[in-house]
Amino acid sequence: MPKDDVIEFEGTVVEAMPNTTFKVKLPNGHIVTAQLSGKLRMNYIRIVPGDRVTIEVSIYDLNKGRITWRLPSENNQS
């Protein structure tokens, strides 16, 4: 997926599914099925329901995406 063919969103993971696939809820209420990116998988970054993440969604299929970043949790701020 070339960089100019994606839209980045922030969302919240609502469900973990098999094979590193997750359901992510966007702020507008839309649910996207997203897979972990290779960098997150390679570095053993764990994603659990409730995590805030950044996802890339293709402009051609707005129902599927790729999780590219796990954001710090809101209750962990010092």
PDB file of N, CA and C in Angstrom:
ATOM      1  N   MET A   1       0.848  -1.170   0.000  1.00  0.00           N
ATOM      2  CA  MET A   1       0.000   0.000   0.000  1.00  0.00           C
ATOM      3  C   MET A   1       0.898   1.240   0.000  1.00  0.00           C
ATOM      4  N   PRO A   2       0.957   2.020  -1.079  1.00  0.00           N
ATOM      5  CA  PRO A   2       1.757   3.236  -1.081  1.00  0.00           C
ATOM      6  C   PRO A   2       1.242   4.236  -0.050  1.00  0.00           C
ATOM      7  N   LYS A   3       2.135   5.054   0.477  1.00  0.00           N
ATOM      8  CA  LYS A   3       1.778   5.998   1.535  1.00  0.00           C
ATOM      9  C   LYS A   3       0.680   6.968   1.115  1.00  0.00           C
ATOM     10  N   ASP A   4       0.622   7.350  -0.166  1.00  0.00           N
ATOM     11  CA  ASP A   4      -0.378   8.321  -0.583  1.00  0.00           C
ATOM     12  C   ASP A   4      -1.758   7.705  -0.790  1.00  0.00           C
ATOM     13  N   ASP A   5      -1.876   6.400  -0.670  1.00  0.00           N
ATOM     14  CA  ASP A   5      -3.163   5.729  -0.818  1.00  0.00           C
ATOM     15  C   ASP A   5      -3.781   5.331   0.520  1.00  0.00           C
ATOM     16  N   VAL A   6      -3.324   5.916   1.627  1.00  0.00           N
ATOM     17  CA  VAL A   6      -3.854   5.559   2.939  1.00  0.00           C
ATOM     18  C   VAL A   6      -4.308   6.807   3.687  1.00  0.00           C
ATOM     19  N   ILE A   7      -5.225   6.580   4.621  1.00  0.00           N
ATOM     20  CA  ILE A   7      -5.704   7.612   5.527  1.00  0.00           C
ATOM     21  C   ILE A   7      -5.391   7.121   6.933  1.00  0.00           C
ATOM     22  N   GLU A   8      -4.811   7.980   7.781  1.00  0.00           N
ATOM     23  CA  GLU A   8      -4.493   7.587   9.158  1.00  0.00           C
ATOM     24  C   GLU A   8      -5.614   8.026  10.091  1.00  0.00           C
ATOM     25  N   PHE A   9      -5.966   7.122  11.011  1.00  0.00           N
ATOM     26  CA  PHE A   9      -6.968   7.394  12.031  1.00  0.00           C
ATOM     27  C   PHE A   9      -6.432   6.943  13.377  1.00  0.00           C
ATOM     28  N   GLU A  10      -6.980   7.510  14.447  1.00  0.00           N
ATOM     29  CA  GLU A  10      -6.759   6.985  15.785  1.00  0.00           C
ATOM     30  C   GLU A  10      -8.053   6.319  16.214  1.00  0.00           C
ATOM     31  N   GLY A  11      -7.925   5.189  16.903  1.00  0.00           N
ATOM     32  CA  GLY A  11      -9.108   4.472  17.339  1.00  0.00           C
ATOM     33  C   GLY A  11      -8.826   3.653  18.572  1.00  0.00           C
ATOM     34  N   THR A  12      -9.831   2.937  19.033  1.00  0.00           N
ATOM     35  CA  THR A  12      -9.729   2.096  20.218  1.00  0.00           C
ATOM     36  C   THR A  12     -10.031   0.658  19.833  1.00  0.00           C
ATOM     37  N   VAL A  13      -9.175  -0.256  20.272  1.00  0.00           N
ATOM     38  CA  VAL A  13      -9.373  -1.679  19.991  1.00  0.00           C
ATOM     39  C   VAL A  13     -10.550  -2.165  20.832  1.00  0.00           C
ATOM     40  N   VAL A  14     -11.530  -2.788  20.192  1.00  0.00           N
ATOM     41  CA  VAL A  14     -12.700  -3.283  20.907  1.00  0.00           C
ATOM     42  C   VAL A  14     -12.742  -4.803  20.979  1.00  0.00           C
ATOM     43  N   GLU A  15     -12.033  -5.486  20.066  1.00  0.00           N
ATOM     44  CA  GLU A  15     -12.072  -6.951  20.059  1.00  0.00           C
ATOM     45  C   GLU A  15     -10.796  -7.498  19.440  1.00  0.00           C
ATOM     46  N   ALA A  16     -10.240  -8.534  20.077  1.00  0.00           N
ATOM     47  CA  ALA A  16      -9.092  -9.247  19.517  1.00  0.00           C
ATOM     48  C   ALA A  16      -9.609 -10.501  18.832  1.00  0.00           C
ATOM     49  N   MET A  17      -9.159 -10.728  17.603  1.00  0.00           N
ATOM     50  CA  MET A  17      -9.584 -11.875  16.821  1.00  0.00           C
ATOM     51  C   MET A  17      -8.361 -12.731  16.505  1.00  0.00           C
ATOM     52  N   PRO A  18      -8.531 -13.912  15.930  1.00  0.00           N
ATOM     53  CA  PRO A  18      -7.375 -14.767  15.621  1.00  0.00           C
ATOM     54  C   PRO A  18      -6.432 -14.131  14.596  1.00  0.00           C
ATOM     55  N   ASN A  19      -5.187 -14.618  14.599  1.00  0.00           N
ATOM     56  CA  ASN A  19      -4.164 -14.231  13.620  1.00  0.00           C
ATOM     57  C   ASN A  19      -3.845 -12.739  13.636  1.00  0.00           C
ATOM     58  N   THR A  20      -3.637 -12.188  14.821  1.00  0.00           N
ATOM     59  CA  THR A  20      -3.279 -10.768  15.021  1.00  0.00           C
ATOM     60  C   THR A  20      -4.195  -9.822  14.253  1.00  0.00           C
ATOM     61  N   THR A  21      -5.484 -10.110  14.301  1.00  0.00           N
ATOM     62  CA  THR A  21      -6.502  -9.255  13.695  1.00  0.00           C
ATOM     63  C   THR A  21      -7.336  -8.652  14.816  1.00  0.00           C
ATOM     64  N   PHE A  22      -7.710  -7.388  14.666  1.00  0.00           N
ATOM     65  CA  PHE A  22      -8.431  -6.673  15.710  1.00  0.00           C
ATOM     66  C   PHE A  22      -9.560  -5.864  15.098  1.00  0.00           C
ATOM     67  N   LYS A  23     -10.611  -5.653  15.892  1.00  0.00           N
ATOM     68  CA  LYS A  23     -11.681  -4.731  15.523  1.00  0.00           C
ATOM     69  C   LYS A  23     -11.360  -3.413  16.229  1.00  0.00           C
ATOM     70  N   VAL A  24     -11.285  -2.336  15.455  1.00  0.00           N
ATOM     71  CA  VAL A  24     -10.934  -1.020  15.981  1.00  0.00           C
ATOM     72  C   VAL A  24     -12.102  -0.074  15.738  1.00  0.00           C
ATOM     73  N   LYS A  25     -12.515   0.624  16.803  1.00  0.00           N
ATOM     74  CA  LYS A  25     -13.606   1.586  16.690  1.00  0.00           C
ATOM     75  C   LYS A  25     -13.017   2.984  16.544  1.00  0.00           C
ATOM     76  N   LEU A  26     -13.417   3.668  15.485  1.00  0.00           N
ATOM     77  CA  LEU A  26     -12.944   5.018  15.222  1.00  0.00           C
ATOM     78  C   LEU A  26     -13.811   6.022  15.976  1.00  0.00           C
ATOM     79  N   PRO A  27     -13.335   7.258  16.161  1.00  0.00           N
ATOM     80  CA  PRO A  27     -14.133   8.261  16.889  1.00  0.00           C
ATOM     81  C   PRO A  27     -15.495   8.544  16.257  1.00  0.00           C
ATOM     82  N   ASN A  28     -15.639   8.321  14.952  1.00  0.00           N
ATOM     83  CA  ASN A  28     -16.935   8.555  14.309  1.00  0.00           C
ATOM     84  C   ASN A  28     -17.880   7.363  14.445  1.00  0.00           C
ATOM     85  N   GLY A  29     -17.443   6.288  15.143  1.00  0.00           N
ATOM     86  CA  GLY A  29     -18.289   5.125  15.376  1.00  0.00           C
ATOM     87  C   GLY A  29     -18.096   3.994  14.392  1.00  0.00           C
ATOM     88  N   HIS A  30     -17.335   4.203  13.340  1.00  0.00           N
ATOM     89  CA  HIS A  30     -17.087   3.180  12.317  1.00  0.00           C
ATOM     90  C   HIS A  30     -16.166   2.093  12.881  1.00  0.00           C
ATOM     91  N   ILE A  31     -16.464   0.822  12.593  1.00  0.00           N
ATOM     92  CA  ILE A  31     -15.636  -0.306  13.029  1.00  0.00           C
ATOM     93  C   ILE A  31     -14.791  -0.771  11.846  1.00  0.00           C
ATOM     94  N   VAL A  32     -13.465  -0.880  12.073  1.00  0.00           N
ATOM     95  CA  VAL A  32     -12.518  -1.294  11.036  1.00  0.00           C
ATOM     96  C   VAL A  32     -11.841  -2.576  11.491  1.00  0.00           C
ATOM     97  N   THR A  33     -11.696  -3.553  10.601  1.00  0.00           N
ATOM     98  CA  THR A  33     -10.922  -4.760  10.871  1.00  0.00           C
ATOM     99  C   THR A  33      -9.477  -4.456  10.504  1.00  0.00           C
ATOM    100  N   ALA A  34      -8.576  -4.562  11.491  1.00  0.00           N
ATOM    101  CA  ALA A  34      -7.185  -4.170  11.254  1.00  0.00           C
ATOM    102  C   ALA A  34      -6.232  -5.278  11.679  1.00  0.00           C
ATOM    103  N   GLN A  35      -5.132  -5.393  10.935  1.00  0.00           N
ATOM    104  CA  GLN A  35      -4.079  -6.341  11.275  1.00  0.00           C
ATOM    105  C   GLN A  35      -2.873  -5.581  11.782  1.00  0.00           C
ATOM    106  N   LEU A  36      -2.022  -6.268  12.539  1.00  0.00           N
ATOM    107  CA  LEU A  36      -0.805  -5.663  13.044  1.00  0.00           C
ATOM    108  C   LEU A  36       0.195  -5.455  11.920  1.00  0.00           C
ATOM    109  N   SER A  37       0.921  -4.354  11.973  1.00  0.00           N
ATOM    110  CA  SER A  37       1.972  -4.125  10.982  1.00  0.00           C
ATOM    111  C   SER A  37       3.171  -5.013  11.305  1.00  0.00           C
ATOM    112  N   GLY A  38       4.048  -5.164  10.348  1.00  0.00           N
ATOM    113  CA  GLY A  38       5.216  -6.020  10.515  1.00  0.00           C
ATOM    114  C   GLY A  38       6.143  -5.555  11.619  1.00  0.00           C
ATOM    115  N   LYS A  39       6.323  -4.238  11.784  1.00  0.00           N
ATOM    116  CA  LYS A  39       7.212  -3.712  12.825  1.00  0.00           C
ATOM    117  C   LYS A  39       6.676  -4.038  14.220  1.00  0.00           C
ATOM    118  N   LEU A  40       5.361  -3.913  14.422  1.00  0.00           N
ATOM    119  CA  LEU A  40       4.788  -4.240  15.728  1.00  0.00           C
ATOM    120  C   LEU A  40       4.905  -5.728  16.006  1.00  0.00           C
ATOM    121  N   ARG A  41       4.675  -6.544  14.992  1.00  0.00           N
ATOM    122  CA  ARG A  41       4.776  -7.989  15.144  1.00  0.00           C
ATOM    123  C   ARG A  41       6.222  -8.406  15.420  1.00  0.00           C
ATOM    124  N   MET A  42       7.164  -7.797  14.712  1.00  0.00           N
ATOM    125  CA  MET A  42       8.575  -8.141  14.849  1.00  0.00           C
ATOM    126  C   MET A  42       9.118  -7.782  16.237  1.00  0.00           C
ATOM    127  N   ASN A  43       8.614  -6.696  16.822  1.00  0.00           N
ATOM    128  CA  ASN A  43       9.080  -6.245  18.129  1.00  0.00           C
ATOM    129  C   ASN A  43       8.203  -6.725  19.278  1.00  0.00           C
ATOM    130  N   TYR A  44       7.305  -7.675  19.009  1.00  0.00           N
ATOM    131  CA  TYR A  44       6.445  -8.294  20.024  1.00  0.00           C
ATOM    132  C   TYR A  44       5.627  -7.266  20.811  1.00  0.00           C
ATOM    133  N   ILE A  45       5.097  -6.271  20.122  1.00  0.00           N
ATOM    134  CA  ILE A  45       4.231  -5.283  20.760  1.00  0.00           C
ATOM    135  C   ILE A  45       2.852  -5.913  20.913  1.00  0.00           C
ATOM    136  N   ARG A  46       2.374  -5.997  22.133  1.00  0.00           N
ATOM    137  CA  ARG A  46       1.086  -6.637  22.408  1.00  0.00           C
ATOM    138  C   ARG A  46      -0.030  -5.601  22.383  1.00  0.00           C
ATOM    139  N   ILE A  47      -1.097  -5.945  21.726  1.00  0.00           N
ATOM    140  CA  ILE A  47      -2.286  -5.102  21.635  1.00  0.00           C
ATOM    141  C   ILE A  47      -3.426  -5.854  22.311  1.00  0.00           C
ATOM    142  N   VAL A  48      -4.118  -5.183  23.229  1.00  0.00           N
ATOM    143  CA  VAL A  48      -5.250  -5.788  23.930  1.00  0.00           C
ATOM    144  C   VAL A  48      -6.458  -4.864  23.772  1.00  0.00           C
ATOM    145  N   PRO A  49      -7.667  -5.407  23.930  1.00  0.00           N
ATOM    146  CA  PRO A  49      -8.853  -4.554  23.853  1.00  0.00           C
ATOM    147  C   PRO A  49      -8.766  -3.404  24.859  1.00  0.00           C
ATOM    148  N   GLY A  50      -9.120  -2.220  24.400  1.00  0.00           N
ATOM    149  CA  GLY A  50      -9.027  -1.020  25.217  1.00  0.00           C
ATOM    150  C   GLY A  50      -7.837  -0.143  24.855  1.00  0.00           C
ATOM    151  N   ASP A  51      -6.852  -0.683  24.141  1.00  0.00           N
ATOM    152  CA  ASP A  51      -5.688   0.097  23.722  1.00  0.00           C
ATOM    153  C   ASP A  51      -6.089   1.113  22.665  1.00  0.00           C
ATOM    154  N   ARG A  52      -5.473   2.288  22.739  1.00  0.00           N
ATOM    155  CA  ARG A  52      -5.634   3.288  21.686  1.00  0.00           C
ATOM    156  C   ARG A  52      -4.539   3.055  20.661  1.00  0.00           C
ATOM    157  N   VAL A  53      -4.892   3.040  19.387  1.00  0.00           N
ATOM    158  CA  VAL A  53      -3.940   2.729  18.322  1.00  0.00           C
ATOM    159  C   VAL A  53      -4.110   3.714  17.165  1.00  0.00           C
ATOM    160  N   THR A  54      -3.065   3.802  16.349  1.00  0.00           N
ATOM    161  CA  THR A  54      -3.122   4.526  15.083  1.00  0.00           C
ATOM    162  C   THR A  54      -3.216   3.490  13.981  1.00  0.00           C
ATOM    163  N   ILE A  55      -4.165   3.673  13.074  1.00  0.00           N
ATOM    164  CA  ILE A  55      -4.310   2.714  11.979  1.00  0.00           C
ATOM    165  C   ILE A  55      -4.246   3.439  10.644  1.00  0.00           C
ATOM    166  N   GLU A  56      -3.801   2.718   9.627  1.00  0.00           N
ATOM    167  CA  GLU A  56      -3.821   3.197   8.250  1.00  0.00           C
ATOM    168  C   GLU A  56      -4.920   2.441   7.522  1.00  0.00           C
ATOM    169  N   VAL A  57      -5.793   3.180   6.852  1.00  0.00           N
ATOM    170  CA  VAL A  57      -6.901   2.584   6.108  1.00  0.00           C
ATOM    171  C   VAL A  57      -6.733   2.951   4.641  1.00  0.00           C
ATOM    172  N   SER A  58      -6.874   1.975   3.773  1.00  0.00           N
ATOM    173  CA  SER A  58      -6.767   2.212   2.336  1.00  0.00           C
ATOM    174  C   SER A  58      -7.960   3.032   1.856  1.00  0.00           C
ATOM    175  N   ILE A  59      -7.716   3.902   0.905  1.00  0.00           N
ATOM    176  CA  ILE A  59      -8.820   4.701   0.363  1.00  0.00           C
ATOM    177  C   ILE A  59      -9.739   3.858  -0.508  1.00  0.00           C
ATOM    178  N   TYR A  60      -9.285   2.668  -0.873  1.00  0.00           N
ATOM    179  CA  TYR A  60     -10.074   1.791  -1.733  1.00  0.00           C
ATOM    180  C   TYR A  60     -10.980   0.855  -0.945  1.00  0.00           C
ATOM    181  N   ASP A  61     -10.616   0.542   0.310  1.00  0.00           N
ATOM    182  CA  ASP A  61     -11.429  -0.338   1.155  1.00  0.00           C
ATOM    183  C   ASP A  61     -11.387   0.215   2.569  1.00  0.00           C
ATOM    184  N   LEU A  62     -12.426   0.935   2.958  1.00  0.00           N
ATOM    185  CA  LEU A  62     -12.446   1.609   4.254  1.00  0.00           C
ATOM    186  C   LEU A  62     -12.811   0.689   5.406  1.00  0.00           C
ATOM    187  N   ASN A  63     -13.001  -0.610   5.150  1.00  0.00           N
ATOM    188  CA  ASN A  63     -13.347  -1.552   6.212  1.00  0.00           C
ATOM    189  C   ASN A  63     -12.150  -2.337   6.715  1.00  0.00           C
ATOM    190  N   LYS A  64     -11.000  -2.216   6.062  1.00  0.00           N
ATOM    191  CA  LYS A  64      -9.802  -2.949   6.467  1.00  0.00           C
ATOM    192  C   LYS A  64      -8.658  -1.970   6.649  1.00  0.00           C
ATOM    193  N   GLY A  65      -7.771  -2.300   7.606  1.00  0.00           N
ATOM    194  CA  GLY A  65      -6.647  -1.405   7.845  1.00  0.00           C
ATOM    195  C   GLY A  65      -5.474  -2.130   8.470  1.00  0.00           C
ATOM    196  N   ARG A  66      -4.452  -1.345   8.814  1.00  0.00           N
ATOM    197  CA  ARG A  66      -3.228  -1.869   9.410  1.00  0.00           C
ATOM    198  C   ARG A  66      -2.917  -1.037  10.652  1.00  0.00           C
ATOM    199  N   ILE A  67      -2.687  -1.703  11.793  1.00  0.00           N
ATOM    200  CA  ILE A  67      -2.311  -1.010  13.022  1.00  0.00           C
ATOM    201  C   ILE A  67      -0.826  -0.687  12.931  1.00  0.00           C
ATOM    202  N   THR A  68      -0.491   0.608  13.005  1.00  0.00           N
ATOM    203  CA  THR A  68       0.899   1.022  12.853  1.00  0.00           C
ATOM    204  C   THR A  68       1.529   1.506  14.146  1.00  0.00           C
ATOM    205  N   TRP A  69       0.721   1.825  15.160  1.00  0.00           N
ATOM    206  CA  TRP A  69       1.271   2.390  16.384  1.00  0.00           C
ATOM    207  C   TRP A  69       0.310   2.149  17.537  1.00  0.00           C
ATOM    208  N   ARG A  70       0.859   1.822  18.719  1.00  0.00           N
ATOM    209  CA  ARG A  70       0.043   1.755  19.934  1.00  0.00           C
ATOM    210  C   ARG A  70       0.311   3.015  20.731  1.00  0.00           C
ATOM    211  N   LEU A  71      -0.733   3.771  21.016  1.00  0.00           N
ATOM    212  CA  LEU A  71      -0.596   5.037  21.720  1.00  0.00           C
ATOM    213  C   LEU A  71      -0.543   4.796  23.224  1.00  0.00           C
ATOM    214  N   PRO A  72       0.112   5.700  23.974  1.00  0.00           N
ATOM    215  CA  PRO A  72       0.140   5.539  25.431  1.00  0.00           C
ATOM    216  C   PRO A  72      -1.269   5.648  26.006  1.00  0.00           C
ATOM    217  N   SER A  73      -1.525   4.876  27.049  1.00  0.00           N
ATOM    218  CA  SER A  73      -2.861   4.891  27.647  1.00  0.00           C
ATOM    219  C   SER A  73      -3.074   6.195  28.399  1.00  0.00           C
ATOM    220  N   GLU A  74      -4.326   6.625  28.483  1.00  0.00           N
ATOM    221  CA  GLU A  74      -4.655   7.906  29.111  1.00  0.00           C
ATOM    222  C   GLU A  74      -4.447   7.885  30.615  1.00  0.00           C
ATOM    223  N   ASN A  75      -4.623   6.725  31.257  1.00  0.00           N
ATOM    224  CA  ASN A  75      -4.503   6.655  32.712  1.00  0.00           C
ATOM    225  C   ASN A  75      -3.065   6.437  33.169  1.00  0.00           C
ATOM    226  N   ASN A  76      -2.089   6.418  32.257  1.00  0.00           N
ATOM    227  CA  ASN A  76      -0.693   6.190  32.600  1.00  0.00           C
ATOM    228  C   ASN A  76       0.124   7.469  32.578  1.00  0.00           C
ATOM    229  N   GLN A  77      -0.509   8.632  32.525  1.00  0.00           N
ATOM    230  CA  GLN A  77       0.230   9.885  32.448  1.00  0.00           C
ATOM    231  C   GLN A  77       0.691  10.301  33.834  1.00  0.00           C
ATOM    232  N   SER A  78       1.947  10.770  33.921  1.00  0.00           N
ATOM    233  CA  SER A  78       2.507  11.194  35.208  1.00  0.00           C
ATOM    234  C   SER A  78       2.649  12.687  35.258  1.00  0.00           C
TER     235      SER A  78
END
